[in-house]
Every structure is written in C-alpha cells, then in structure tokens.
C-alpha cells in the first residue's frame, strides 16, 4: 500500500499530465479505505463546508441590505 498523501500527489500529477497533454501518468496503487473515525471526520468537514457555502451568500445579502438602509437614512 502507498501512503495517502503520496497517492494524492500522484493523482494531482496525473491530472496535470492529462490537462497539459505532456508526460506519462504515474501508476497508482489504491490506499486502504478510511478508518471509521477518519471517515466520520471527513463527513463532518464536508457538512460544515456546505453549510458555510450556503451561509456566506446569505450574510452578504443581509449586509448589503443593511448598508442600503443606512445610506437611505444618511448614515455611513
């Protein structure tokens, strides 16, 4: 088995080879599946990232509305 970070680097290199059309792709031996606690942490991280992506645009819209209201009132 190969280390996960090494495999990730090889995948990135293979993607660059594919997109640039130069070089030879590296052979990759798959890594073992994630242990339960790692898989759970990754799922939590994905969920938090999705929540953040949904929340930030809503906060930006609210901020713009507040700024417009303040400008209407003549406040900075």
PDB file of N, CA and C in Angstrom:
ATOM      1  N   UNK A   1       0.831  -1.193   0.000  1.00  0.00           N
ATOM      2  CA  UNK A   1       0.000   0.000   0.000  1.00  0.00           C
ATOM      3  C   UNK A   1       0.871   1.252   0.000  1.00  0.00           C
ATOM      4  N   UNK A   2       0.345   2.306  -0.596  1.00  0.00           N
ATOM      5  CA  UNK A   2       1.062   3.577  -0.644  1.00  0.00           C
ATOM      6  C   UNK A   2       0.430   4.548   0.350  1.00  0.00           C
ATOM      7  N   UNK A   3       1.249   5.466   0.856  1.00  0.00           N
ATOM      8  CA  UNK A   3       0.753   6.488   1.767  1.00  0.00           C
ATOM      9  C   UNK A   3      -0.274   7.354   1.068  1.00  0.00           C
ATOM     10  N   UNK A   4      -1.316   7.744   1.808  1.00  0.00           N
ATOM     11  CA  UNK A   4      -2.410   8.526   1.244  1.00  0.00           C
ATOM     12  C   UNK A   4      -1.926   9.859   0.660  1.00  0.00           C
ATOM     13  N   UNK A   5      -1.031  10.566   1.346  1.00  0.00           N
ATOM     14  CA  UNK A   5      -0.540  11.853   0.847  1.00  0.00           C
ATOM     15  C   UNK A   5       0.232  11.660  -0.456  1.00  0.00           C
ATOM     16  N   UNK A   6       0.987  10.595  -0.536  1.00  0.00           N
ATOM     17  CA  UNK A   6       1.748  10.297  -1.747  1.00  0.00           C
ATOM     18  C   UNK A   6       0.796  10.022  -2.913  1.00  0.00           C
ATOM     19  N   UNK A   7      -0.241   9.233  -2.639  1.00  0.00           N
ATOM     20  CA  UNK A   7      -1.226   8.906  -3.669  1.00  0.00           C
ATOM     21  C   UNK A   7      -1.947  10.174  -4.126  1.00  0.00           C
ATOM     22  N   UNK A   8      -2.279  11.060  -3.189  1.00  0.00           N
ATOM     23  CA  UNK A   8      -2.926  12.320  -3.543  1.00  0.00           C
ATOM     24  C   UNK A   8      -2.027  13.138  -4.462  1.00  0.00           C
ATOM     25  N   UNK A   9      -0.745  13.181  -4.168  1.00  0.00           N
ATOM     26  CA  UNK A   9       0.212  13.880  -5.021  1.00  0.00           C
ATOM     27  C   UNK A   9       0.300  13.263  -6.404  1.00  0.00           C
ATOM     28  N   UNK A  10       0.297  11.949  -6.463  1.00  0.00           N
ATOM     29  CA  UNK A  10       0.337  11.267  -7.766  1.00  0.00           C
ATOM     30  C   UNK A  10      -0.912  11.572  -8.576  1.00  0.00           C
ATOM     31  N   UNK A  11      -2.068  11.595  -7.902  1.00  0.00           N
ATOM     32  CA  UNK A  11      -3.314  11.908  -8.611  1.00  0.00           C
ATOM     33  C   UNK A  11      -3.269  13.326  -9.165  1.00  0.00           C
ATOM     34  N   UNK A  12      -2.752  14.266  -8.372  1.00  0.00           N
ATOM     35  CA  UNK A  12      -2.627  15.650  -8.837  1.00  0.00           C
ATOM     36  C   UNK A  12      -1.678  15.722 -10.033  1.00  0.00           C
ATOM     37  N   UNK A  13      -0.574  15.006  -9.955  1.00  0.00           N
ATOM     38  CA  UNK A  13       0.387  14.987 -11.066  1.00  0.00           C
ATOM     39  C   UNK A  13      -0.237  14.373 -12.310  1.00  0.00           C
ATOM     40  N   UNK A  14      -0.997  13.302 -12.138  1.00  0.00           N
ATOM     41  CA  UNK A  14      -1.657  12.671 -13.279  1.00  0.00           C
ATOM     42  C   UNK A  14      -2.680  13.605 -13.916  1.00  0.00           C
ATOM     43  N   UNK A  15      -3.372  14.374 -13.101  1.00  0.00           N
ATOM     44  CA  UNK A  15      -4.327  15.344 -13.625  1.00  0.00           C
ATOM     45  C   UNK A  15      -3.601  16.416 -14.445  1.00  0.00           C
ATOM     46  N   UNK A  16      -2.452  16.874 -13.944  1.00  0.00           N
ATOM     47  CA  UNK A  16      -1.654  17.858 -14.686  1.00  0.00           C
ATOM     48  C   UNK A  16      -1.173  17.269 -16.007  1.00  0.00           C
ATOM     49  N   UNK A  17      -0.721  16.039 -15.989  1.00  0.00           N
ATOM     50  CA  UNK A  17      -0.282  15.365 -17.216  1.00  0.00           C
ATOM     51  C   UNK A  17      -1.441  15.297 -18.208  1.00  0.00           C
ATOM     52  N   UNK A  18      -2.618  14.940 -17.717  1.00  0.00           N
ATOM     53  CA  UNK A  18      -3.787  14.823 -18.581  1.00  0.00           C
ATOM     54  C   UNK A  18      -4.165  16.182 -19.178  1.00  0.00           C
ATOM     55  N   UNK A  19      -4.199  17.227 -18.355  1.00  0.00           N
ATOM     56  CA  UNK A  19      -4.622  18.543 -18.836  1.00  0.00           C
ATOM     57  C   UNK A  19      -3.598  19.202 -19.754  1.00  0.00           C
ATOM     58  N   UNK A  20      -2.309  18.985 -19.454  1.00  0.00           N
ATOM     59  CA  UNK A  20      -1.265  19.604 -20.268  1.00  0.00           C
ATOM     60  C   UNK A  20      -0.927  18.776 -21.508  1.00  0.00           C
ATOM     61  N   UNK A  21      -1.299  17.501 -21.458  1.00  0.00           N
ATOM     62  CA  UNK A  21      -1.018  16.634 -22.596  1.00  0.00           C
ATOM     63  C   UNK A  21       0.446  16.294 -22.739  1.00  0.00           C
ATOM     64  N   UNK A  22       1.202  16.401 -21.645  1.00  0.00           N
ATOM     65  CA  UNK A  22       2.632  16.099 -21.672  1.00  0.00           C
ATOM     66  C   UNK A  22       2.974  15.174 -20.518  1.00  0.00           C
ATOM     67  N   UNK A  23       3.969  14.333 -20.725  1.00  0.00           N
ATOM     68  CA  UNK A  23       4.424  13.441 -19.672  1.00  0.00           C
ATOM     69  C   UNK A  23       3.659  12.128 -19.667  1.00  0.00           C
ATOM     70  N   UNK A  24       4.023  11.281 -18.716  1.00  0.00           N
ATOM     71  CA  UNK A  24       3.367   9.976 -18.573  1.00  0.00           C
ATOM     72  C   UNK A  24       2.701   9.909 -17.209  1.00  0.00           C
ATOM     73  N   UNK A  25       1.485   9.397 -17.151  1.00  0.00           N
ATOM     74  CA  UNK A  25       0.822   9.267 -15.854  1.00  0.00           C
ATOM     75  C   UNK A  25       1.528   8.233 -14.974  1.00  0.00           C
ATOM     76  N   UNK A  26       1.535   8.500 -13.690  1.00  0.00           N
ATOM     77  CA  UNK A  26       2.166   7.589 -12.736  1.00  0.00           C
ATOM     78  C   UNK A  26       1.186   6.484 -12.355  1.00  0.00           C
ATOM     79  N   UNK A  27       1.686   5.259 -12.218  1.00  0.00           N
ATOM     80  CA  UNK A  27       0.799   4.182 -11.746  1.00  0.00           C
ATOM     81  C   UNK A  27       0.469   4.409 -10.263  1.00  0.00           C
ATOM     82  N   UNK A  28      -0.773   4.148  -9.912  1.00  0.00           N
ATOM     83  CA  UNK A  28      -1.214   4.380  -8.532  1.00  0.00           C
ATOM     84  C   UNK A  28      -1.778   3.082  -7.974  1.00  0.00           C
ATOM     85  N   UNK A  29      -1.310   2.731  -6.793  1.00  0.00           N
ATOM     86  CA  UNK A  29      -1.860   1.604  -6.045  1.00  0.00           C
ATOM     87  C   UNK A  29      -2.810   2.209  -5.025  1.00  0.00           C
ATOM     88  N   UNK A  30      -4.068   1.801  -5.057  1.00  0.00           N
ATOM     89  CA  UNK A  30      -5.050   2.390  -4.155  1.00  0.00           C
ATOM     90  C   UNK A  30      -4.667   2.199  -2.698  1.00  0.00           C
ATOM     91  N   UNK A  31      -5.096   3.164  -1.892  1.00  0.00           N
ATOM     92  CA  UNK A  31      -4.875   3.083  -0.453  1.00  0.00           C
ATOM     93  C   UNK A  31      -6.023   2.318   0.182  1.00  0.00           C
ATOM     94  N   UNK A  32      -5.843   1.975   1.437  1.00  0.00           N
ATOM     95  CA  UNK A  32      -6.910   1.302   2.169  1.00  0.00           C
ATOM     96  C   UNK A  32      -8.035   2.285   2.437  1.00  0.00           C
ATOM     97  N   UNK A  33      -9.257   1.800   2.593  1.00  0.00           N
ATOM     98  CA  UNK A  33     -10.362   2.700   2.938  1.00  0.00           C
ATOM     99  C   UNK A  33     -10.088   3.396   4.272  1.00  0.00           C
ATOM    100  N   UNK A  34     -10.682   4.581   4.442  1.00  0.00           N
ATOM    101  CA  UNK A  34     -10.512   5.323   5.689  1.00  0.00           C
ATOM    102  C   UNK A  34     -11.057   4.530   6.870  1.00  0.00           C
ATOM    103  N   UNK A  35     -10.384   4.703   8.016  1.00  0.00           N
ATOM    104  CA  UNK A  35     -10.907   4.122   9.251  1.00  0.00           C
ATOM    105  C   UNK A  35     -12.179   4.886   9.610  1.00  0.00           C
ATOM    106  N   UNK A  36     -12.995   4.289  10.455  1.00  0.00           N
ATOM    107  CA  UNK A  36     -14.311   4.833  10.776  1.00  0.00           C
ATOM    108  C   UNK A  36     -14.229   6.274  11.290  1.00  0.00           C
ATOM    109  N   UNK A  37     -13.299   6.549  12.213  1.00  0.00           N
ATOM    110  CA  UNK A  37     -13.224   7.896  12.791  1.00  0.00           C
ATOM    111  C   UNK A  37     -12.750   8.926  11.754  1.00  0.00           C
ATOM    112  N   UNK A  38     -11.906   8.509  10.813  1.00  0.00           N
ATOM    113  CA  UNK A  38     -11.449   9.414   9.755  1.00  0.00           C
ATOM    114  C   UNK A  38     -12.595   9.690   8.786  1.00  0.00           C
ATOM    115  N   UNK A  39     -13.332   8.652   8.408  1.00  0.00           N
ATOM    116  CA  UNK A  39     -14.473   8.827   7.508  1.00  0.00           C
ATOM    117  C   UNK A  39     -15.520   9.746   8.145  1.00  0.00           C
ATOM    118  N   UNK A  40     -15.757   9.586   9.441  1.00  0.00           N
ATOM    119  CA  UNK A  40     -16.730  10.431  10.136  1.00  0.00           C
ATOM    120  C   UNK A  40     -16.257  11.883  10.168  1.00  0.00           C
ATOM    121  N   UNK A  41     -14.983  12.108  10.440  1.00  0.00           N
ATOM    122  CA  UNK A  41     -14.448  13.470  10.471  1.00  0.00           C
ATOM    123  C   UNK A  41     -14.536  14.120   9.092  1.00  0.00           C
ATOM    124  N   UNK A  42     -14.271  13.364   8.048  1.00  0.00           N
ATOM    125  CA  UNK A  42     -14.385  13.904   6.691  1.00  0.00           C
ATOM    126  C   UNK A  42     -15.824  14.291   6.378  1.00  0.00           C
ATOM    127  N   UNK A  43     -16.775  13.474   6.829  1.00  0.00           N
ATOM    128  CA  UNK A  43     -18.185  13.776   6.585  1.00  0.00           C
ATOM    129  C   UNK A  43     -18.600  15.040   7.333  1.00  0.00           C
ATOM    130  N   UNK A  44     -18.145  15.188   8.571  1.00  0.00           N
ATOM    131  CA  UNK A  44     -18.449  16.399   9.337  1.00  0.00           C
ATOM    132  C   UNK A  44     -17.853  17.614   8.628  1.00  0.00           C
ATOM    133  N   UNK A  45     -16.631  17.492   8.163  1.00  0.00           N
ATOM    134  CA  UNK A  45     -15.966  18.583   7.465  1.00  0.00           C
ATOM    135  C   UNK A  45     -16.729  18.978   6.197  1.00  0.00           C
ATOM    136  N   UNK A  46     -17.167  17.985   5.427  1.00  0.00           N
ATOM    137  CA  UNK A  46     -17.948  18.277   4.209  1.00  0.00           C
ATOM    138  C   UNK A  46     -19.250  18.993   4.562  1.00  0.00           C
ATOM    139  N   UNK A  47     -19.905  18.535   5.608  1.00  0.00           N
ATOM    140  CA  UNK A  47     -21.168  19.159   6.023  1.00  0.00           C
ATOM    141  C   UNK A  47     -20.949  20.603   6.461  1.00  0.00           C
ATOM    142  N   UNK A  48     -19.896  20.840   7.225  1.00  0.00           N
ATOM    143  CA  UNK A  48     -19.597  22.208   7.663  1.00  0.00           C
ATOM    144  C   UNK A  48     -19.271  23.101   6.475  1.00  0.00           C
ATOM    145  N   UNK A  49     -18.518  22.581   5.516  1.00  0.00           N
ATOM    146  CA  UNK A  49     -18.160  23.361   4.334  1.00  0.00           C
ATOM    147  C   UNK A  49     -19.407  23.722   3.530  1.00  0.00           C
ATOM    148  N   UNK A  50     -20.329  22.765   3.379  1.00  0.00           N
ATOM    149  CA  UNK A  50     -21.575  23.048   2.652  1.00  0.00           C
ATOM    150  C   UNK A  50     -22.405  24.091   3.380  1.00  0.00           C
ATOM    151  N   UNK A  51     -22.475  23.978   4.701  1.00  0.00           N
ATOM    152  CA  UNK A  51     -23.237  24.950   5.489  1.00  0.00           C
ATOM    153  C   UNK A  51     -22.635  26.334   5.342  1.00  0.00           C
ATOM    154  N   UNK A  52     -21.317  26.411   5.380  1.00  0.00           N
ATOM    155  CA  UNK A  52     -20.633  27.690   5.240  1.00  0.00           C
ATOM    156  C   UNK A  52     -20.898  28.283   3.860  1.00  0.00           C
ATOM    157  N   UNK A  53     -20.861  27.459   2.832  1.00  0.00           N
ATOM    158  CA  UNK A  53     -21.101  27.946   1.475  1.00  0.00           C
ATOM    159  C   UNK A  53     -22.513  28.483   1.321  1.00  0.00           C
ATOM    160  N   UNK A  54     -23.461  27.917   2.045  1.00  0.00           N
ATOM    161  CA  UNK A  54     -24.838  28.405   1.991  1.00  0.00           C
ATOM    162  C   UNK A  54     -25.004  29.653   2.848  1.00  0.00           C
ATOM    163  N   UNK A  55     -24.284  29.722   3.946  1.00  0.00           N
ATOM    164  CA  UNK A  55     -24.440  30.822   4.895  1.00  0.00           C
ATOM    165  C   UNK A  55     -23.791  32.111   4.417  1.00  0.00           C
ATOM    166  N   UNK A  56     -22.625  32.033   3.824  1.00  0.00           N
ATOM    167  CA  UNK A  56     -21.884  33.234   3.430  1.00  0.00           C
ATOM    168  C   UNK A  56     -22.663  34.094   2.436  1.00  0.00           C
ATOM    169  N   UNK A  57     -23.245  33.533   1.368  1.00  0.00           N
ATOM    170  CA  UNK A  57     -24.024  34.391   0.468  1.00  0.00           C
ATOM    171  C   UNK A  57     -25.214  35.046   1.174  1.00  0.00           C
ATOM    172  N   UNK A  58     -25.865  34.329   2.084  1.00  0.00           N
ATOM    173  CA  UNK A  58     -27.000  34.905   2.819  1.00  0.00           C
ATOM    174  C   UNK A  58     -26.533  36.066   3.694  1.00  0.00           C
ATOM    175  N   UNK A  59     -25.384  35.926   4.335  1.00  0.00           N
ATOM    176  CA  UNK A  59     -24.845  37.011   5.150  1.00  0.00           C
ATOM    177  C   UNK A  59     -24.457  38.207   4.285  1.00  0.00           C
ATOM    178  N   UNK A  60     -23.897  37.936   3.117  1.00  0.00           N
ATOM    179  CA  UNK A  60     -23.539  39.024   2.202  1.00  0.00           C
ATOM    180  C   UNK A  60     -24.774  39.791   1.757  1.00  0.00           C
ATOM    181  N   UNK A  61     -25.846  39.084   1.446  1.00  0.00           N
ATOM    182  CA  UNK A  61     -27.087  39.748   1.029  1.00  0.00           C
ATOM    183  C   UNK A  61     -27.637  40.600   2.157  1.00  0.00           C
ATOM    184  N   UNK A  62     -27.634  40.060   3.376  1.00  0.00           N
ATOM    185  CA  UNK A  62     -28.141  40.814   4.528  1.00  0.00           C
ATOM    186  C   UNK A  62     -27.284  42.053   4.778  1.00  0.00           C
ATOM    187  N   UNK A  63     -25.990  41.922   4.640  1.00  0.00           N
ATOM    188  CA  UNK A  63     -25.090  43.045   4.840  1.00  0.00           C
ATOM    189  C   UNK A  63     -25.362  44.153   3.824  1.00  0.00           C
ATOM    190  N   UNK A  64     -25.586  43.769   2.577  1.00  0.00           N
ATOM    191  CA  UNK A  64     -25.900  44.770   1.543  1.00  0.00           C
ATOM    192  C   UNK A  64     -27.207  45.489   1.857  1.00  0.00           C
ATOM    193  N   UNK A  65     -28.204  44.741   2.335  1.00  0.00           N
ATOM    194  CA  UNK A  65     -29.484  45.367   2.686  1.00  0.00           C
ATOM    195  C   UNK A  65     -29.314  46.361   3.823  1.00  0.00           C
ATOM    196  N   UNK A  66     -28.521  45.998   4.823  1.00  0.00           N
ATOM    197  CA  UNK A  66     -28.286  46.903   5.950  1.00  0.00           C
ATOM    198  C   UNK A  66     -27.558  48.151   5.473  1.00  0.00           C
ATOM    199  N   UNK A  67     -26.540  47.981   4.617  1.00  0.00           N
ATOM    200  CA  UNK A  67     -25.812  49.148   4.103  1.00  0.00           C
ATOM    201  C   UNK A  67     -26.730  50.076   3.312  1.00  0.00           C
ATOM    202  N   UNK A  68     -27.578  49.509   2.483  1.00  0.00           N
ATOM    203  CA  UNK A  68     -28.513  50.337   1.709  1.00  0.00           C
ATOM    204  C   UNK A  68     -29.470  51.088   2.628  1.00  0.00           C
ATOM    205  N   UNK A  69     -29.944  50.415   3.661  1.00  0.00           N
ATOM    206  CA  UNK A  69     -30.849  51.066   4.615  1.00  0.00           C
ATOM    207  C   UNK A  69     -30.148  52.213   5.332  1.00  0.00           C
ATOM    208  N   UNK A  70     -28.906  51.993   5.728  1.00  0.00           N
ATOM    209  CA  UNK A  70     -28.148  53.050   6.408  1.00  0.00           C
ATOM    210  C   UNK A  70     -27.909  54.222   5.468  1.00  0.00           C
ATOM    211  N   UNK A  71     -27.604  53.940   4.209  1.00  0.00           N
ATOM    212  CA  UNK A  71     -27.386  55.019   3.238  1.00  0.00           C
ATOM    213  C   UNK A  71     -28.677  55.806   3.024  1.00  0.00           C
ATOM    214  N   UNK A  72     -29.814  55.142   2.982  1.00  0.00           N
ATOM    215  CA  UNK A  72     -31.095  55.803   2.827  1.00  0.00           C
ATOM    216  C   UNK A  72     -31.356  56.747   3.992  1.00  0.00           C
ATOM    217  N   UNK A  73     -30.907  56.348   5.173  1.00  0.00           N
ATOM    218  CA  UNK A  73     -31.075  57.176   6.357  1.00  0.00           C
ATOM    219  C   UNK A  73     -29.991  58.267   6.465  1.00  0.00           C
ATOM    220  N   UNK A  74     -29.057  58.248   5.545  1.00  0.00           N
ATOM    221  CA  UNK A  74     -27.990  59.233   5.563  1.00  0.00           C
ATOM    222  C   UNK A  74     -26.874  58.912   6.554  1.00  0.00           C
ATOM    223  N   UNK A  75     -26.799  57.652   6.952  1.00  0.00           N
ATOM    224  CA  UNK A  75     -25.758  57.228   7.896  1.00  0.00           C
ATOM    225  C   UNK A  75     -24.644  56.535   7.120  1.00  0.00           C
ATOM    226  N   UNK A  76     -23.410  56.593   7.643  1.00  0.00           N
ATOM    227  CA  UNK A  76     -22.273  55.957   6.932  1.00  0.00           C
ATOM    228  C   UNK A  76     -22.378  54.442   6.891  1.00  0.00           C
TER     229      UNK A  76
END
